[in-house]
Each structure stands twice: as C-alpha cells, then as structure tokens.
Amino acid sequence: VVGEKFVQAVNTCLQKGLPLICFSTSGGARMQEALVSLMQMAKTSAALEKMREQGLPYISVLVDPVYGGVSASLAMLGDINIAEPNALVGFTGPDVIRQTVRVKLPEGFQRSEFLLEHGAIDMIVHRRDMRDRIASILGKLMHFRNRTAVPDSAAKLDESTNPTEPASPADPA
C-alpha cells in the first residue's frame, strides 16, 4: 500500500512539475507481505527515475528508524538525503547483521552520524529546523531548474544561421 501511494505521489509531482519530499520511517516488511513488499522496491525506484529524468528534485528525510525495503529503495534515493539526529537506518537491525557476519561492527554504524561521516547521507537536520532547511534547499534547486530551462523558441536554430559556420560578429552600426 505504501509503495503504491508513493508512486501516486511521484505521478502527481510529474504531472504538475513539482518537487517531492518524503519522510520515511519503517521497521521493515512483515513476513506476510514478502513478494508484494519486494515488488514495491522496484516500483518506487522506477518512479523516482522518472522524476530524475524530468529534473524534478526528490528530498528524502529519514526518521528513526528506517529499515527494510524502504531503506533499500525510496529512502536512500533522494537527490538530497536528510536524516534526523541519531536516526537508525539500515536494511536489517544490528543484531541480525552481527549474528550473520560474526564480526564486531563499528559503534553506531547504523546511526545517521556514522552515515553522514561515510557519505551515505547528505546532512543531519533536527526536526525543529527541518522546514526552514528544506525550504532553503528547494528554493535553490527549483530556482536553478527554472533558470536552466530552455524555452522551446530558443531551442530552435535561427533559419538564417548556418550551424556549420562560426557566427560572425554583430554589425557595429
């Protein structure tokens, strides 16, 4: 259900030319959702690729905890990935990983601070500052997007210009 609603939100943004902001928190998929849940990862990732193709920003905000398929898809695919302080982020919990790999893991390796230090997220923002920070980021991203858009009329070559010859300097009259 969440994956389908996310794709609907992406489609709305695509139709209206809007950026998308998603706040994610998840404990992972329930066992009875297995295949359906797995397919949502692919659907949400494909939908976000369409956003990228249209140059529309996607900001992902990670709220403690973010586990499972959400962390392996829509939560970590933002153009900007923001996490709250001390947020736990990973595909599975630290106990499961420890039992599987049987090695001592770095302290706090799934905390947002560790992820920031290792380049997995872009910034950590406290919830009280989130609105202003996102507004600032979107202002810059959308301003840049709007300034670099090429109008259809400017994209067409002037028929009087031969594109294979260098342009001549303007007539100083």
N, C-alpha and C. Protein backbone atom coordinates (compact mmCIF):
# COMPACT_ATOMS: atom_id res chain seq x y z
N VAL A 1 0.83 -1.19 0.00
CA VAL A 1 0.00 0.00 0.00
C VAL A 1 0.87 1.26 0.00
N VAL A 2 1.91 1.28 0.84
CA VAL A 2 2.76 2.46 0.93
C VAL A 2 3.47 2.71 -0.40
N GLY A 3 3.99 1.64 -1.01
CA GLY A 3 4.67 1.79 -2.29
C GLY A 3 3.75 2.36 -3.36
N GLU A 4 2.51 1.89 -3.39
CA GLU A 4 1.55 2.38 -4.38
C GLU A 4 1.23 3.85 -4.14
N LYS A 5 1.05 4.24 -2.89
CA LYS A 5 0.77 5.65 -2.57
C LYS A 5 1.97 6.53 -2.92
N PHE A 6 3.17 6.00 -2.70
CA PHE A 6 4.37 6.75 -3.04
C PHE A 6 4.43 6.99 -4.55
N VAL A 7 4.16 5.95 -5.33
CA VAL A 7 4.17 6.08 -6.79
C VAL A 7 3.10 7.08 -7.24
N GLN A 8 1.94 7.08 -6.61
CA GLN A 8 0.90 8.06 -6.93
C GLN A 8 1.40 9.48 -6.64
N ALA A 9 2.11 9.66 -5.53
CA ALA A 9 2.66 10.98 -5.21
C ALA A 9 3.68 11.41 -6.26
N VAL A 10 4.53 10.48 -6.69
CA VAL A 10 5.50 10.78 -7.74
C VAL A 10 4.77 11.19 -9.02
N ASN A 11 3.74 10.45 -9.40
CA ASN A 11 3.00 10.77 -10.62
C ASN A 11 2.36 12.15 -10.54
N THR A 12 1.84 12.52 -9.38
CA THR A 12 1.27 13.85 -9.20
C THR A 12 2.35 14.92 -9.40
N CYS A 13 3.52 14.69 -8.82
CA CYS A 13 4.63 15.64 -8.99
C CYS A 13 5.06 15.74 -10.45
N LEU A 14 5.09 14.62 -11.14
CA LEU A 14 5.46 14.63 -12.55
C LEU A 14 4.45 15.42 -13.38
N GLN A 15 3.17 15.23 -13.11
CA GLN A 15 2.12 15.93 -13.86
C GLN A 15 2.15 17.43 -13.61
N LYS A 16 2.47 17.83 -12.38
CA LYS A 16 2.40 19.25 -12.01
C LYS A 16 3.76 19.94 -11.99
N GLY A 17 4.82 19.19 -12.28
CA GLY A 17 6.16 19.78 -12.28
C GLY A 17 6.63 20.20 -10.90
N LEU A 18 6.28 19.42 -9.89
CA LEU A 18 6.62 19.76 -8.51
C LEU A 18 7.72 18.86 -7.95
N PRO A 19 8.47 19.37 -6.97
CA PRO A 19 9.42 18.50 -6.27
C PRO A 19 8.68 17.57 -5.32
N LEU A 20 9.35 16.54 -4.84
CA LEU A 20 8.75 15.60 -3.90
C LEU A 20 9.61 15.55 -2.64
N ILE A 21 8.94 15.60 -1.50
CA ILE A 21 9.60 15.43 -0.21
C ILE A 21 8.92 14.26 0.47
N CYS A 22 9.72 13.30 0.93
CA CYS A 22 9.16 12.12 1.60
C CYS A 22 9.85 11.92 2.94
N PHE A 23 9.05 11.80 3.99
CA PHE A 23 9.55 11.47 5.32
C PHE A 23 9.35 9.97 5.50
N SER A 24 10.43 9.23 5.69
CA SER A 24 10.35 7.77 5.78
C SER A 24 10.67 7.28 7.18
N THR A 25 9.88 6.34 7.63
CA THR A 25 10.18 5.56 8.82
C THR A 25 9.58 4.18 8.60
N SER A 26 10.34 3.14 8.94
CA SER A 26 9.86 1.79 8.69
C SER A 26 10.64 0.80 9.54
N GLY A 27 9.94 -0.19 10.01
CA GLY A 27 10.59 -1.27 10.72
C GLY A 27 10.88 -2.44 9.80
N GLY A 28 10.59 -2.30 8.52
CA GLY A 28 10.77 -3.39 7.57
C GLY A 28 9.44 -4.03 7.22
N ALA A 29 9.46 -4.90 6.25
CA ALA A 29 8.23 -5.55 5.79
C ALA A 29 7.83 -6.67 6.74
N ARG A 30 6.55 -6.87 6.86
CA ARG A 30 6.05 -8.01 7.62
C ARG A 30 6.19 -9.25 6.73
N MET A 31 6.41 -10.37 7.34
CA MET A 31 6.65 -11.62 6.59
C MET A 31 5.51 -11.94 5.62
N GLN A 32 4.27 -11.65 5.98
CA GLN A 32 3.14 -11.99 5.11
C GLN A 32 3.09 -11.09 3.87
N GLU A 33 3.89 -10.03 3.83
CA GLU A 33 3.90 -9.13 2.68
C GLU A 33 5.02 -9.46 1.70
N ALA A 34 5.77 -10.47 1.95
CA ALA A 34 7.02 -10.79 1.27
C ALA A 34 7.14 -10.33 -0.18
N LEU A 35 6.47 -11.00 -1.11
CA LEU A 35 6.65 -10.70 -2.53
C LEU A 35 6.06 -9.34 -2.91
N VAL A 36 4.89 -9.03 -2.39
CA VAL A 36 4.26 -7.74 -2.70
C VAL A 36 5.17 -6.61 -2.23
N SER A 37 5.72 -6.75 -1.04
CA SER A 37 6.61 -5.74 -0.50
C SER A 37 7.88 -5.61 -1.34
N LEU A 38 8.43 -6.71 -1.76
CA LEU A 38 9.63 -6.71 -2.58
C LEU A 38 9.40 -5.98 -3.90
N MET A 39 8.26 -6.18 -4.51
CA MET A 39 7.94 -5.52 -5.78
C MET A 39 7.80 -4.01 -5.63
N GLN A 40 7.41 -3.56 -4.44
CA GLN A 40 7.28 -2.12 -4.22
C GLN A 40 8.63 -1.42 -4.33
N MET A 41 9.69 -2.11 -3.95
CA MET A 41 11.02 -1.52 -4.06
C MET A 41 11.32 -1.16 -5.51
N ALA A 42 11.01 -2.06 -6.42
CA ALA A 42 11.26 -1.82 -7.84
C ALA A 42 10.36 -0.72 -8.38
N LYS A 43 9.08 -0.74 -7.98
CA LYS A 43 8.13 0.27 -8.47
C LYS A 43 8.52 1.67 -8.03
N THR A 44 8.89 1.81 -6.76
CA THR A 44 9.23 3.14 -6.26
C THR A 44 10.54 3.63 -6.88
N SER A 45 11.49 2.74 -7.06
CA SER A 45 12.76 3.13 -7.69
C SER A 45 12.56 3.56 -9.13
N ALA A 46 11.72 2.85 -9.87
CA ALA A 46 11.43 3.21 -11.27
C ALA A 46 10.71 4.56 -11.34
N ALA A 47 9.79 4.79 -10.42
CA ALA A 47 9.06 6.07 -10.40
C ALA A 47 10.02 7.22 -10.14
N LEU A 48 10.96 7.03 -9.22
CA LEU A 48 11.93 8.09 -8.92
C LEU A 48 12.85 8.37 -10.09
N GLU A 49 13.13 7.37 -10.91
CA GLU A 49 13.94 7.60 -12.10
C GLU A 49 13.23 8.56 -13.05
N LYS A 50 11.92 8.48 -13.12
CA LYS A 50 11.15 9.43 -13.95
C LYS A 50 11.28 10.85 -13.42
N MET A 51 11.29 11.00 -12.10
CA MET A 51 11.50 12.33 -11.50
C MET A 51 12.86 12.87 -11.93
N ARG A 52 13.87 12.01 -11.84
CA ARG A 52 15.22 12.42 -12.20
C ARG A 52 15.29 12.82 -13.68
N GLU A 53 14.63 12.05 -14.54
CA GLU A 53 14.63 12.35 -15.98
C GLU A 53 14.00 13.72 -16.26
N GLN A 54 13.01 14.11 -15.48
CA GLN A 54 12.36 15.41 -15.67
C GLN A 54 13.05 16.53 -14.91
N GLY A 55 14.10 16.19 -14.17
CA GLY A 55 14.84 17.21 -13.44
C GLY A 55 14.10 17.75 -12.23
N LEU A 56 13.18 16.97 -11.69
CA LEU A 56 12.43 17.39 -10.51
C LEU A 56 13.11 16.86 -9.25
N PRO A 57 13.38 17.72 -8.28
CA PRO A 57 14.07 17.28 -7.07
C PRO A 57 13.24 16.34 -6.20
N TYR A 58 13.93 15.39 -5.61
CA TYR A 58 13.33 14.49 -4.62
C TYR A 58 14.18 14.57 -3.37
N ILE A 59 13.58 15.02 -2.27
CA ILE A 59 14.26 15.10 -0.99
C ILE A 59 13.71 14.01 -0.09
N SER A 60 14.61 13.19 0.41
CA SER A 60 14.23 12.10 1.30
C SER A 60 14.68 12.45 2.72
N VAL A 61 13.74 12.35 3.66
CA VAL A 61 14.04 12.63 5.07
C VAL A 61 13.89 11.32 5.83
N LEU A 62 14.96 10.92 6.50
CA LEU A 62 14.99 9.66 7.24
C LEU A 62 14.68 9.92 8.71
N VAL A 63 13.59 9.32 9.19
CA VAL A 63 13.13 9.49 10.57
C VAL A 63 13.32 8.15 11.27
N ASP A 64 13.84 8.17 12.47
CA ASP A 64 14.16 6.96 13.23
C ASP A 64 12.94 6.09 13.49
N PRO A 65 13.01 4.78 13.16
CA PRO A 65 14.01 4.05 12.40
C PRO A 65 13.60 3.93 10.93
N VAL A 66 14.55 3.63 10.08
CA VAL A 66 14.27 3.33 8.67
C VAL A 66 14.98 2.02 8.34
N TYR A 67 14.20 0.95 8.26
CA TYR A 67 14.75 -0.38 8.00
C TYR A 67 14.02 -1.04 6.83
N GLY A 68 14.58 -2.14 6.37
CA GLY A 68 13.94 -2.96 5.35
C GLY A 68 14.01 -2.37 3.96
N GLY A 69 13.04 -2.76 3.15
CA GLY A 69 13.00 -2.35 1.75
C GLY A 69 12.92 -0.85 1.56
N VAL A 70 12.33 -0.15 2.52
CA VAL A 70 12.25 1.31 2.43
C VAL A 70 13.67 1.89 2.40
N SER A 71 14.55 1.37 3.25
CA SER A 71 15.93 1.87 3.28
C SER A 71 16.70 1.47 2.03
N ALA A 72 16.29 0.39 1.40
CA ALA A 72 16.98 -0.09 0.20
C ALA A 72 16.39 0.50 -1.08
N SER A 73 15.39 1.34 -0.95
CA SER A 73 14.79 1.92 -2.15
C SER A 73 14.51 3.40 -1.92
N LEU A 74 13.27 3.76 -1.74
CA LEU A 74 12.87 5.17 -1.77
C LEU A 74 13.54 6.05 -0.73
N ALA A 75 13.92 5.52 0.42
CA ALA A 75 14.51 6.36 1.47
C ALA A 75 15.92 6.83 1.14
N MET A 76 16.66 6.06 0.37
CA MET A 76 18.06 6.41 0.09
C MET A 76 18.29 6.88 -1.34
N LEU A 77 17.22 7.12 -2.08
CA LEU A 77 17.36 7.53 -3.48
C LEU A 77 17.11 9.01 -3.71
N GLY A 78 17.11 9.79 -2.66
CA GLY A 78 16.86 11.22 -2.81
C GLY A 78 18.00 11.92 -3.53
N ASP A 79 17.66 13.01 -4.18
CA ASP A 79 18.71 13.89 -4.69
C ASP A 79 19.45 14.47 -3.50
N ILE A 80 18.70 14.69 -2.44
CA ILE A 80 19.23 15.09 -1.14
C ILE A 80 18.65 14.13 -0.11
N ASN A 81 19.52 13.49 0.66
CA ASN A 81 19.08 12.59 1.74
C ASN A 81 19.40 13.25 3.07
N ILE A 82 18.37 13.53 3.83
CA ILE A 82 18.49 14.19 5.13
C ILE A 82 18.07 13.19 6.20
N ALA A 83 18.77 13.18 7.31
CA ALA A 83 18.37 12.33 8.44
C ALA A 83 18.25 13.18 9.69
N GLU A 84 17.39 12.73 10.58
CA GLU A 84 17.31 13.37 11.88
C GLU A 84 18.48 12.87 12.73
N PRO A 85 18.86 13.61 13.76
CA PRO A 85 19.95 13.16 14.64
C PRO A 85 19.65 11.79 15.24
N ASN A 86 20.66 10.95 15.28
CA ASN A 86 20.59 9.61 15.88
C ASN A 86 19.62 8.65 15.22
N ALA A 87 19.16 8.94 14.03
CA ALA A 87 18.23 8.03 13.34
C ALA A 87 18.95 6.73 13.02
N LEU A 88 18.26 5.62 13.23
CA LEU A 88 18.77 4.30 12.84
C LEU A 88 18.33 4.02 11.41
N VAL A 89 19.28 3.67 10.56
CA VAL A 89 18.99 3.42 9.15
C VAL A 89 19.75 2.17 8.71
N GLY A 90 19.05 1.22 8.09
CA GLY A 90 19.71 0.03 7.59
C GLY A 90 18.72 -0.94 6.99
N PHE A 91 19.23 -1.94 6.31
CA PHE A 91 18.34 -2.93 5.72
C PHE A 91 17.79 -3.86 6.79
N THR A 92 18.65 -4.21 7.74
CA THR A 92 18.22 -5.05 8.87
C THR A 92 18.93 -4.56 10.12
N GLY A 93 18.45 -4.97 11.24
CA GLY A 93 18.99 -4.49 12.51
C GLY A 93 20.40 -4.97 12.80
N PRO A 94 21.09 -4.29 13.71
CA PRO A 94 22.48 -4.63 14.02
C PRO A 94 22.65 -6.03 14.60
N ASP A 95 21.68 -6.51 15.37
CA ASP A 95 21.80 -7.87 15.94
C ASP A 95 21.80 -8.93 14.84
N VAL A 96 20.93 -8.77 13.86
CA VAL A 96 20.87 -9.74 12.76
C VAL A 96 22.18 -9.71 11.97
N ILE A 97 22.71 -8.53 11.74
CA ILE A 97 23.98 -8.42 10.99
C ILE A 97 25.11 -9.07 11.79
N ARG A 98 25.20 -8.75 13.08
CA ARG A 98 26.25 -9.34 13.93
C ARG A 98 26.20 -10.86 13.90
N GLN A 99 25.00 -11.41 14.01
CA GLN A 99 24.85 -12.87 14.02
C GLN A 99 25.19 -13.48 12.66
N THR A 100 24.96 -12.73 11.60
CA THR A 100 25.21 -13.25 10.25
C THR A 100 26.69 -13.19 9.89
N VAL A 101 27.32 -12.04 10.09
CA VAL A 101 28.72 -11.88 9.66
C VAL A 101 29.72 -12.27 10.73
N ARG A 102 29.27 -12.36 11.96
CA ARG A 102 30.10 -12.79 13.09
C ARG A 102 31.39 -11.97 13.24
N VAL A 103 31.26 -10.68 13.08
CA VAL A 103 32.38 -9.78 13.33
C VAL A 103 31.89 -8.62 14.19
N LYS A 104 32.83 -7.98 14.87
CA LYS A 104 32.48 -6.82 15.67
C LYS A 104 32.25 -5.65 14.71
N LEU A 105 31.11 -5.03 14.83
CA LEU A 105 30.74 -3.93 13.95
C LEU A 105 31.11 -2.59 14.60
N PRO A 106 31.38 -1.58 13.79
CA PRO A 106 31.73 -0.27 14.36
C PRO A 106 30.59 0.26 15.23
N GLU A 107 30.95 0.95 16.28
CA GLU A 107 29.96 1.54 17.18
C GLU A 107 29.07 2.52 16.41
N GLY A 108 27.76 2.36 16.55
CA GLY A 108 26.81 3.28 15.94
C GLY A 108 26.80 3.26 14.42
N PHE A 109 27.17 2.13 13.82
CA PHE A 109 27.32 2.08 12.36
C PHE A 109 26.03 2.30 11.59
N GLN A 110 24.88 2.20 12.24
CA GLN A 110 23.62 2.45 11.55
C GLN A 110 23.00 3.79 11.97
N ARG A 111 23.70 4.57 12.73
CA ARG A 111 23.20 5.88 13.15
C ARG A 111 23.48 6.91 12.06
N SER A 112 22.63 7.93 12.02
CA SER A 112 22.76 8.96 10.99
C SER A 112 24.13 9.64 11.02
N GLU A 113 24.72 9.82 12.19
CA GLU A 113 26.02 10.47 12.27
C GLU A 113 27.10 9.65 11.57
N PHE A 114 27.07 8.35 11.75
CA PHE A 114 28.01 7.45 11.07
C PHE A 114 27.78 7.51 9.56
N LEU A 115 26.52 7.49 9.16
CA LEU A 115 26.19 7.52 7.73
C LEU A 115 26.65 8.83 7.09
N LEU A 116 26.53 9.94 7.81
CA LEU A 116 27.00 11.22 7.29
C LEU A 116 28.52 11.21 7.13
N GLU A 117 29.23 10.72 8.14
CA GLU A 117 30.69 10.64 8.08
C GLU A 117 31.18 9.80 6.91
N HIS A 118 30.38 8.81 6.50
CA HIS A 118 30.79 7.89 5.43
C HIS A 118 30.10 8.18 4.10
N GLY A 119 29.45 9.32 3.98
CA GLY A 119 28.89 9.77 2.71
C GLY A 119 27.60 9.11 2.27
N ALA A 120 26.92 8.41 3.17
CA ALA A 120 25.66 7.74 2.78
C ALA A 120 24.47 8.69 2.82
N ILE A 121 24.57 9.77 3.59
CA ILE A 121 23.52 10.80 3.62
C ILE A 121 24.19 12.15 3.44
N ASP A 122 23.38 13.16 3.12
CA ASP A 122 23.93 14.48 2.83
C ASP A 122 24.01 15.40 4.04
N MET A 123 23.07 15.25 4.96
CA MET A 123 23.07 16.13 6.12
C MET A 123 22.19 15.58 7.22
N ILE A 124 22.43 16.08 8.42
CA ILE A 124 21.60 15.77 9.58
C ILE A 124 20.94 17.08 10.00
N VAL A 125 19.63 17.04 10.14
CA VAL A 125 18.88 18.24 10.50
C VAL A 125 17.91 17.88 11.61
N HIS A 126 17.92 18.66 12.67
CA HIS A 126 16.97 18.44 13.76
C HIS A 126 15.57 18.79 13.26
N ARG A 127 14.59 18.09 13.77
CA ARG A 127 13.20 18.26 13.34
C ARG A 127 12.74 19.72 13.43
N ARG A 128 13.15 20.43 14.47
CA ARG A 128 12.70 21.82 14.64
C ARG A 128 13.23 22.73 13.53
N ASP A 129 14.32 22.32 12.86
CA ASP A 129 14.92 23.13 11.79
C ASP A 129 14.58 22.61 10.40
N MET A 130 13.83 21.51 10.34
CA MET A 130 13.61 20.81 9.08
C MET A 130 12.88 21.68 8.04
N ARG A 131 11.81 22.34 8.43
CA ARG A 131 11.02 23.12 7.47
C ARG A 131 11.88 24.20 6.80
N ASP A 132 12.61 24.96 7.60
CA ASP A 132 13.43 26.03 7.03
C ASP A 132 14.53 25.48 6.13
N ARG A 133 15.16 24.39 6.55
CA ARG A 133 16.25 23.82 5.75
C ARG A 133 15.73 23.30 4.41
N ILE A 134 14.62 22.58 4.44
CA ILE A 134 14.05 22.05 3.20
C ILE A 134 13.60 23.19 2.29
N ALA A 135 12.99 24.22 2.87
CA ALA A 135 12.56 25.37 2.06
C ALA A 135 13.76 26.02 1.37
N SER A 136 14.85 26.15 2.09
CA SER A 136 16.06 26.73 1.53
C SER A 136 16.62 25.87 0.38
N ILE A 137 16.67 24.58 0.61
CA ILE A 137 17.18 23.66 -0.42
C ILE A 137 16.29 23.70 -1.65
N LEU A 138 14.98 23.61 -1.45
CA LEU A 138 14.06 23.63 -2.59
C LEU A 138 14.13 24.96 -3.34
N GLY A 139 14.27 26.05 -2.61
CA GLY A 139 14.40 27.35 -3.26
C GLY A 139 15.57 27.37 -4.22
N LYS A 140 16.68 26.80 -3.79
CA LYS A 140 17.87 26.76 -4.64
C LYS A 140 17.70 25.78 -5.79
N LEU A 141 17.21 24.59 -5.50
CA LEU A 141 17.06 23.58 -6.56
C LEU A 141 16.05 24.00 -7.61
N MET A 142 14.93 24.53 -7.19
CA MET A 142 13.90 24.92 -8.16
C MET A 142 14.29 26.19 -8.91
N HIS A 143 15.00 27.10 -8.25
CA HIS A 143 15.48 28.31 -8.93
C HIS A 143 16.47 27.92 -10.01
N PHE A 144 17.39 27.03 -9.67
CA PHE A 144 18.37 26.56 -10.65
C PHE A 144 17.68 25.86 -11.80
N ARG A 145 16.70 25.02 -11.48
CA ARG A 145 15.98 24.29 -12.52
C ARG A 145 15.26 25.26 -13.45
N ASN A 146 14.61 26.26 -12.90
CA ASN A 146 13.85 27.22 -13.71
C ASN A 146 14.78 28.11 -14.53
N ARG A 147 15.96 28.44 -14.01
CA ARG A 147 16.89 29.28 -14.75
C ARG A 147 17.55 28.55 -15.90
N THR A 148 17.70 27.24 -15.78
CA THR A 148 18.39 26.49 -16.82
C THR A 148 17.45 25.91 -17.87
N ALA A 149 16.16 26.07 -17.65
CA ALA A 149 15.20 25.55 -18.63
C ALA A 149 15.34 26.35 -19.92
N VAL A 150 15.36 25.67 -21.04
CA VAL A 150 15.49 26.33 -22.34
C VAL A 150 14.11 26.43 -22.97
N PRO A 151 13.65 27.66 -23.22
CA PRO A 151 12.34 27.80 -23.88
C PRO A 151 12.36 27.15 -25.26
N ASP A 152 11.22 26.65 -25.70
CA ASP A 152 11.14 25.98 -27.00
C ASP A 152 11.61 26.88 -28.13
N SER A 153 11.25 28.16 -28.10
CA SER A 153 11.63 29.07 -29.19
C SER A 153 13.14 29.27 -29.24
N ALA A 154 13.81 29.27 -28.10
CA ALA A 154 15.26 29.46 -28.09
C ALA A 154 15.99 28.18 -28.52
N ALA A 155 15.34 27.05 -28.37
CA ALA A 155 15.98 25.78 -28.72
C ALA A 155 16.07 25.59 -30.23
N LYS A 156 15.23 26.28 -30.98
CA LYS A 156 15.25 26.15 -32.44
C LYS A 156 16.34 27.05 -33.03
N LEU A 157 17.03 26.55 -34.02
CA LEU A 157 18.06 27.35 -34.67
C LEU A 157 17.42 28.41 -35.54
N ASP A 158 18.03 29.57 -35.55
CA ASP A 158 17.58 30.63 -36.43
C ASP A 158 17.86 30.15 -37.86
N GLU A 159 16.85 30.18 -38.70
CA GLU A 159 17.00 29.65 -40.06
C GLU A 159 18.02 30.41 -40.87
N SER A 160 18.31 31.66 -40.48
CA SER A 160 19.28 32.44 -41.25
C SER A 160 20.72 32.10 -40.86
N THR A 161 20.90 31.31 -39.83
CA THR A 161 22.24 30.95 -39.37
C THR A 161 22.59 29.56 -39.87
N ASN A 162 23.78 29.42 -40.39
CA ASN A 162 24.26 28.11 -40.81
C ASN A 162 25.01 27.50 -39.62
N PRO A 163 24.50 26.43 -39.04
CA PRO A 163 25.10 25.88 -37.83
C PRO A 163 26.50 25.29 -38.04
N THR A 164 26.92 25.10 -39.29
CA THR A 164 28.25 24.54 -39.52
C THR A 164 29.31 25.63 -39.64
N GLU A 165 28.92 26.90 -39.74
CA GLU A 165 29.87 28.00 -39.85
C GLU A 165 29.88 28.79 -38.55
N PRO A 166 31.04 29.33 -38.15
CA PRO A 166 31.06 30.14 -36.94
C PRO A 166 30.23 31.40 -37.13
N ALA A 167 29.63 31.87 -36.06
CA ALA A 167 28.81 33.08 -36.12
C ALA A 167 29.72 34.27 -36.36
N SER A 168 29.26 35.24 -37.17
CA SER A 168 30.04 36.44 -37.43
C SER A 168 29.72 37.47 -36.35
N PRO A 169 30.68 38.34 -36.03
CA PRO A 169 30.43 39.35 -35.01
C PRO A 169 29.28 40.26 -35.43
N ALA A 170 28.61 40.84 -34.45
CA ALA A 170 27.48 41.73 -34.73
C ALA A 170 27.98 42.95 -35.48
N ASP A 171 27.13 43.49 -36.35
CA ASP A 171 27.45 44.67 -37.14
C ASP A 171 27.50 45.89 -36.22
N PRO A 172 28.66 46.57 -36.11
CA PRO A 172 28.73 47.74 -35.21
C PRO A 172 28.11 48.96 -35.86
N ALA A 173 26.83 49.06 -35.95
CA ALA A 173 26.18 50.19 -36.62
C ALA A 173 25.63 51.18 -35.66
